[in-house]
Every structure is written in C-alpha cells, then in structure tokens.
Protein backbone atom coordinates (compact mmCIF):
# COMPACT_ATOMS: atom_id res chain seq x y z
CA MET A 1 8.05 -26.23 -12.86
CA SER A 2 9.87 -29.19 -11.16
CA ASP A 3 7.70 -28.25 -7.71
CA THR A 4 4.41 -28.15 -10.72
CA PHE A 5 5.58 -31.79 -11.38
CA GLU A 6 6.20 -33.10 -8.04
CA LYS A 7 2.48 -31.91 -7.02
CA ILE A 8 1.10 -33.85 -9.83
CA PHE A 9 3.27 -36.73 -9.29
CA GLN A 10 2.29 -36.61 -5.43
CA GLY A 11 -1.29 -36.54 -5.98
CA GLY A 12 -1.09 -38.92 -8.54
CA VAL A 13 0.38 -41.90 -6.84
CA THR A 14 -2.04 -40.75 -3.70
CA CYS A 15 -5.01 -40.46 -6.16
CA LEU A 16 -4.34 -44.36 -7.71
CA GLN A 17 -3.56 -45.79 -4.14
CA LYS A 18 -7.13 -44.64 -3.26
CA ILE A 19 -8.66 -46.22 -6.51
CA ALA A 20 -6.56 -49.38 -5.80
CA VAL A 21 -7.57 -49.67 -1.94
CA GLN A 22 -11.79 -48.39 -2.36
CA PRO A 23 -12.71 -48.70 -5.80
CA SER A 24 -15.78 -46.08 -6.53
CA SER A 25 -17.71 -45.57 -9.56
CA ASP A 26 -15.76 -42.13 -10.11
CA SER A 27 -12.18 -43.64 -10.15
CA SER A 28 -11.88 -43.06 -14.00
CA ASN A 29 -12.94 -39.40 -13.38
CA LYS A 30 -9.84 -39.25 -10.59
CA PHE A 31 -7.26 -40.84 -13.09
CA GLY A 32 -8.72 -38.76 -16.02
CA LYS A 33 -7.89 -35.83 -13.81
CA LEU A 34 -3.93 -36.93 -13.46
CA GLN A 35 -3.84 -37.79 -17.51
CA THR A 36 -5.11 -34.08 -17.63
CA SER A 37 -2.69 -32.43 -15.62
CA CYS A 38 0.41 -34.39 -17.21
CA ALA A 39 -1.09 -33.89 -20.26
CA ALA A 40 -1.27 -29.40 -19.49
CA ILE A 41 2.61 -30.09 -18.51
CA TRP A 42 3.35 -31.68 -21.93
CA MET A 43 1.33 -29.05 -23.59
CA GLN A 44 3.90 -26.81 -22.50
CA GLY A 45 7.16 -28.49 -24.17
CA ASN A 46 8.02 -29.89 -20.97
CA ILE A 47 7.99 -33.57 -21.53
CA SER A 48 7.53 -35.39 -24.73
CA THR A 49 4.93 -37.67 -24.68
CA VAL A 50 1.72 -38.91 -22.32
CA GLU A 51 0.48 -42.06 -23.17
CA PRO A 52 -2.64 -43.49 -21.68
CA CYS A 53 -2.01 -45.74 -18.59
CA SER A 54 1.78 -45.71 -19.28
CA GLY A 55 2.86 -43.07 -17.27
CA ILE A 56 5.52 -40.02 -18.55
CA ARG A 57 8.58 -39.97 -20.75
CA PRO A 58 10.45 -36.77 -19.74
CA LYS A 59 12.27 -35.17 -22.34
CA ARG A 60 14.66 -33.06 -20.16
CA ARG A 61 17.86 -34.54 -18.17
CA ASN A 62 16.47 -32.85 -15.16
CA HIS A 63 13.08 -34.81 -15.20
CA MET A 64 14.76 -37.83 -15.33
CA ASN A 65 14.49 -38.36 -11.45
CA TRP A 66 11.08 -37.39 -11.45
CA LYS A 67 10.58 -40.61 -14.10
CA ALA A 68 12.24 -42.86 -11.78
CA LYS A 69 9.97 -41.78 -9.36
CA PHE A 70 6.81 -41.38 -11.11
CA VAL A 71 7.61 -45.71 -12.14
CA LYS A 72 8.68 -46.23 -8.22
CA GLY A 73 4.82 -45.26 -6.96
CA TRP A 74 3.44 -46.84 -10.34
CA GLY A 75 5.06 -50.26 -8.98
CA ARG A 76 3.99 -49.58 -5.29
CA LEU A 77 0.28 -50.05 -6.98
CA GLY A 78 1.30 -53.57 -8.40
CA LEU A 79 0.79 -51.77 -11.73
CA LYS A 80 3.08 -52.28 -14.80
CA PHE A 81 5.07 -48.81 -16.19
CA ASP A 82 4.98 -49.99 -20.44
CA GLU A 83 7.83 -48.47 -21.12
CA LYS A 84 8.95 -48.47 -24.70
CA LEU A 85 12.34 -49.67 -25.16
CA ASP A 86 14.43 -47.73 -28.22
CA ILE A 87 16.57 -49.83 -30.47
CA SER A 88 17.37 -47.53 -33.17
CA ASP A 89 20.99 -46.69 -31.81
CA MET A 90 21.41 -50.59 -32.08
CA ILE A 91 20.00 -50.82 -35.31
CA ASN A 92 22.73 -48.24 -36.58
CA CYS A 93 25.60 -49.96 -34.48
CA ALA A 94 24.61 -53.29 -36.25
CA ASP A 95 24.44 -51.39 -39.69
CA ASN A 96 27.35 -50.07 -38.92
CA PHE A 97 29.34 -53.34 -38.11
CA HIS A 98 27.83 -55.47 -41.62
CA LYS A 99 29.62 -52.44 -43.73
CA THR A 100 32.60 -52.69 -41.61
CA MET A 101 32.78 -56.59 -41.69
CA ALA A 102 32.18 -56.77 -45.66
CA LYS A 103 34.95 -54.20 -46.33
CA ALA A 104 37.20 -56.09 -44.18
CA LEU A 105 36.22 -59.59 -45.86
CA SER A 106 36.86 -57.69 -49.42
CA ILE A 107 40.21 -56.72 -48.68
CA GLU A 108 41.06 -60.12 -46.93
CA SER A 109 39.97 -61.46 -50.18
CA ASP A 110 42.29 -59.07 -51.93
CA THR A 111 45.19 -59.72 -49.82
CA ARG A 112 44.64 -63.76 -50.82
CA ASN A 113 44.46 -62.66 -54.28
CA ALA A 114 47.56 -60.27 -54.28
CA SER A 115 50.40 -60.63 -56.38
CA GLU A 116 54.03 -61.08 -54.99
CA GLU A 117 55.11 -57.59 -55.16
CA ASP A 118 51.97 -55.98 -53.91
CA ILE A 119 51.87 -58.70 -51.21
CA GLU A 120 53.59 -56.30 -48.10
CA GLU A 121 50.96 -53.52 -49.32
CA ALA A 122 47.93 -55.72 -49.50
CA GLU A 123 48.72 -57.78 -46.08
CA PHE A 124 49.33 -54.05 -44.50
CA PHE A 125 45.62 -52.90 -45.70
CA TYR A 126 44.33 -56.42 -44.29
CA ARG A 127 45.95 -55.72 -40.87
CA PHE A 128 44.67 -52.09 -41.05
CA SER A 129 40.95 -53.55 -41.73
CA ARG A 130 41.18 -56.43 -39.19
CA ALA A 131 41.98 -54.04 -36.37
CA ALA A 132 39.07 -51.66 -37.05
CA ALA A 133 36.62 -54.92 -37.73
CA VAL A 134 37.88 -56.04 -34.25
CA LYS A 135 37.19 -52.30 -32.67
CA VAL A 136 33.80 -52.59 -34.35
CA TYR A 137 33.28 -55.91 -32.66
CA GLU A 138 34.05 -54.55 -29.54
CA ILE A 139 31.54 -51.73 -29.56
CA THR A 140 28.81 -53.94 -31.10
CA VAL A 141 29.43 -56.73 -28.66
CA GLU A 142 29.17 -54.12 -25.79
CA ASN A 143 26.02 -52.61 -27.10
CA SER A 144 24.22 -55.77 -27.51
CA TRP A 145 24.35 -57.63 -24.03
CA LYS A 146 23.58 -54.07 -22.76
CA MET A 147 20.49 -54.54 -25.08
CA MET A 148 19.42 -57.61 -24.01
CA GLN A 149 20.25 -56.63 -20.79
CA ARG A 150 17.47 -53.88 -20.92
CA TRP A 151 14.94 -55.61 -23.04
CA VAL A 152 15.25 -58.54 -20.51
CA LYS A 153 14.53 -56.28 -17.39
CA LEU A 154 11.50 -55.05 -19.23
CA ASN A 155 9.99 -58.15 -20.11
CA ALA A 156 11.33 -61.30 -18.24
CA ASP A 157 13.36 -60.61 -15.29
CA ASN A 158 13.50 -56.96 -13.72
CA LYS A 159 16.65 -58.26 -11.55
CA ILE A 160 19.03 -59.34 -14.60
CA HIS A 161 21.11 -56.62 -14.17
CA GLU A 162 22.41 -58.14 -10.66
CA LYS A 163 23.14 -61.56 -12.30
CA PRO A 164 26.10 -62.92 -14.32
CA LYS A 165 25.97 -62.73 -18.26
CA ARG A 166 25.90 -66.15 -18.50
CA GLU A 167 22.52 -66.16 -16.95
CA LEU A 168 21.44 -62.78 -19.27
CA PHE A 169 22.49 -65.18 -22.36
CA ARG A 170 20.24 -67.76 -20.87
CA THR A 171 17.24 -66.05 -20.00
CA ALA A 172 17.44 -64.31 -23.41
CA HIS A 173 17.60 -67.54 -25.00
CA GLN A 174 14.70 -68.55 -23.04
CA SER A 175 12.86 -65.59 -24.05
CA GLY A 176 13.29 -66.33 -27.71
CA LEU A 177 15.54 -62.91 -28.22
CA ILE A 178 18.73 -65.25 -29.17
CA THR A 179 19.40 -68.79 -30.70
CA ASP A 180 22.59 -69.57 -29.01
CA PRO A 181 23.63 -68.56 -25.64
CA VAL A 182 26.54 -70.35 -25.64
CA VAL A 183 28.04 -68.78 -28.59
CA TRP A 184 27.13 -65.13 -27.37
CA TRP A 185 29.34 -65.90 -24.42
CA GLU A 186 31.74 -66.69 -26.81
CA PHE A 187 31.28 -63.20 -28.41
CA PHE A 188 31.26 -61.58 -24.73
CA GLU A 189 34.44 -63.37 -23.74
CA GLY A 190 36.33 -62.23 -27.21
CA ARG A 191 35.16 -58.40 -26.63
CA ASN A 192 37.36 -58.84 -23.21
CA LYS A 193 40.47 -59.91 -25.43
CA THR A 194 40.15 -56.99 -27.74
CA SER A 195 42.24 -54.59 -26.02
CA HIS A 196 45.32 -57.10 -26.19
CA ILE A 197 45.26 -57.22 -30.61
CA TYR A 198 48.88 -56.51 -30.68
CA HIS A 199 49.38 -60.27 -30.67
CA GLU A 200 48.33 -61.81 -33.69
CA GLU A 201 47.04 -65.05 -32.65
CA ILE A 202 44.83 -63.05 -30.44
CA ALA A 203 43.88 -60.57 -32.98
CA GLU A 204 43.12 -63.49 -35.46
CA GLU A 205 41.02 -65.11 -32.95
CA VAL A 206 38.95 -62.12 -32.24
CA TYR A 207 38.57 -61.70 -35.74
CA ALA A 208 37.26 -65.03 -36.58
CA LEU A 209 34.37 -64.13 -33.81
CA ALA A 210 33.78 -60.83 -35.44
CA LYS A 211 33.14 -63.39 -38.68
CA LYS A 212 30.84 -65.22 -36.40
CA LEU A 213 29.08 -62.75 -35.18
CA ASP A 214 27.73 -61.11 -38.36
CA GLU A 215 24.96 -63.75 -38.61
CA HIS A 216 24.14 -63.80 -34.72
CA LEU A 217 23.93 -60.26 -34.98
CA ARG A 218 21.37 -60.51 -38.53
CA GLU A 219 18.82 -62.69 -36.16
CA PHE A 220 19.45 -61.00 -32.75
CA ILE A 221 18.26 -57.48 -34.19
CA GLU A 222 15.27 -59.48 -36.41
CA ARG A 223 13.86 -61.02 -33.17
CA LEU A 224 14.75 -57.45 -31.61
CA LYS A 225 12.42 -55.69 -33.83
CA GLU A 226 9.71 -58.40 -33.33
CA ARG A 227 9.60 -58.39 -29.84
CA ILE A 228 9.24 -54.40 -29.59
C-alpha cells in the first residue's frame, strides 16, 4: 500500500503544481481526482480521515513519513496545511494536576491543625503529598510548554522550536495564549529543580510554584480550547 500512497502523493503534488502555475477551467476536477484517490485509501482503512483541502491524517505509524512528505509538498506550493491540534492529553494532564494539588493542599491543612501526638505522622503525609505534587508539577510544566510550542508553531511562528524558551513564552503571550510570560519562565525553571527535592528548601520552593501554577494552568487550558 505504501507504493500506492507514494504514487498518489507524487501525482497530487504534480497536479497541484500545474494548477498553481497554469490555472485552467478543469483545475477543480484535477484536485477532485486527488481527493477521490485519497478517499479510496481511507475507505480501505489505511488512514483515518480525509478532510477537504487539508491533506491526510495517517492512522498507522508507518505512514507518518508520508504525511511529512505530503505537508512538505503542500508547503512548496505556498499553501497552508491545516493540521488540527489534539489537546486531549493536555487536558487530562491538567485535570490530574488539579486533583493532585487539591489533595496535597488538604493534607497540608490537616498537618497545620494536627495535635501534638499526631504531628509526626501528619508531617510524614505532608512530605509524601508534597513530593507527589512536585512530580506532577514537573510532568505538567513539561507538557504545557511543549503544547505551547506546537500551538505557536502551527499558528504564529513555525521556527519557534529553534528559539529559546523565553521567546516561546513571549510569543505565546503575544498570541493571547498566556497572560504572563515571566511567570511561565519561572515555572519552567522550577521544573528543572525537581530532581533536587531531597533538599527541604528546594522542595518547598517548587511546591510553592506548583500552588501558583494551579491558577495559570486553568487559564492556559481555557485559552487553548478557545484557539483550537
């Protein structure tokens, strides 16, 4: 099937090149034949969707290289490949973070109100929940900046992956995806300290950032949903 897919790709690019250079009355028919061929492969279950004027989204892992080639050929014609960003994993990650923080804050409150005979056990559970919160914070910040990068690359700057993280947060702010690029840089720096939480001061510092992230993450997810 890969040979068939290659023929369709090469024929499609050639067809579109002719349309771009020499528009004719039957251009739409030529493009229609390309989509019809793509739809034929889709009907056989080899790719998951065929969307008008948006290219092909492959289902199988071994077709990923063909998607890359298709997008590259699309770009040579000066046409935009409309790739839909999947944010479901990011939403699940954020939900997990909020639940973990809610539990950690509850245990922290119980520790402050613990009696003298229960304080040792309460402090143990506090350190345990704090370590869990810090680990989830690390995962969440990592997923967040990568999601920002994917969104910015698709919508604002396709070279953003080659630039420093400060520039990523600045561009995300300018695009309306986040409100405070400075605080997101702090979250990113805090994420790099999570491997040192055996130090009490560092653990408390990162845990404080995790509390701060809670509100900013909710805002980021809401804005991300609005811009998909």
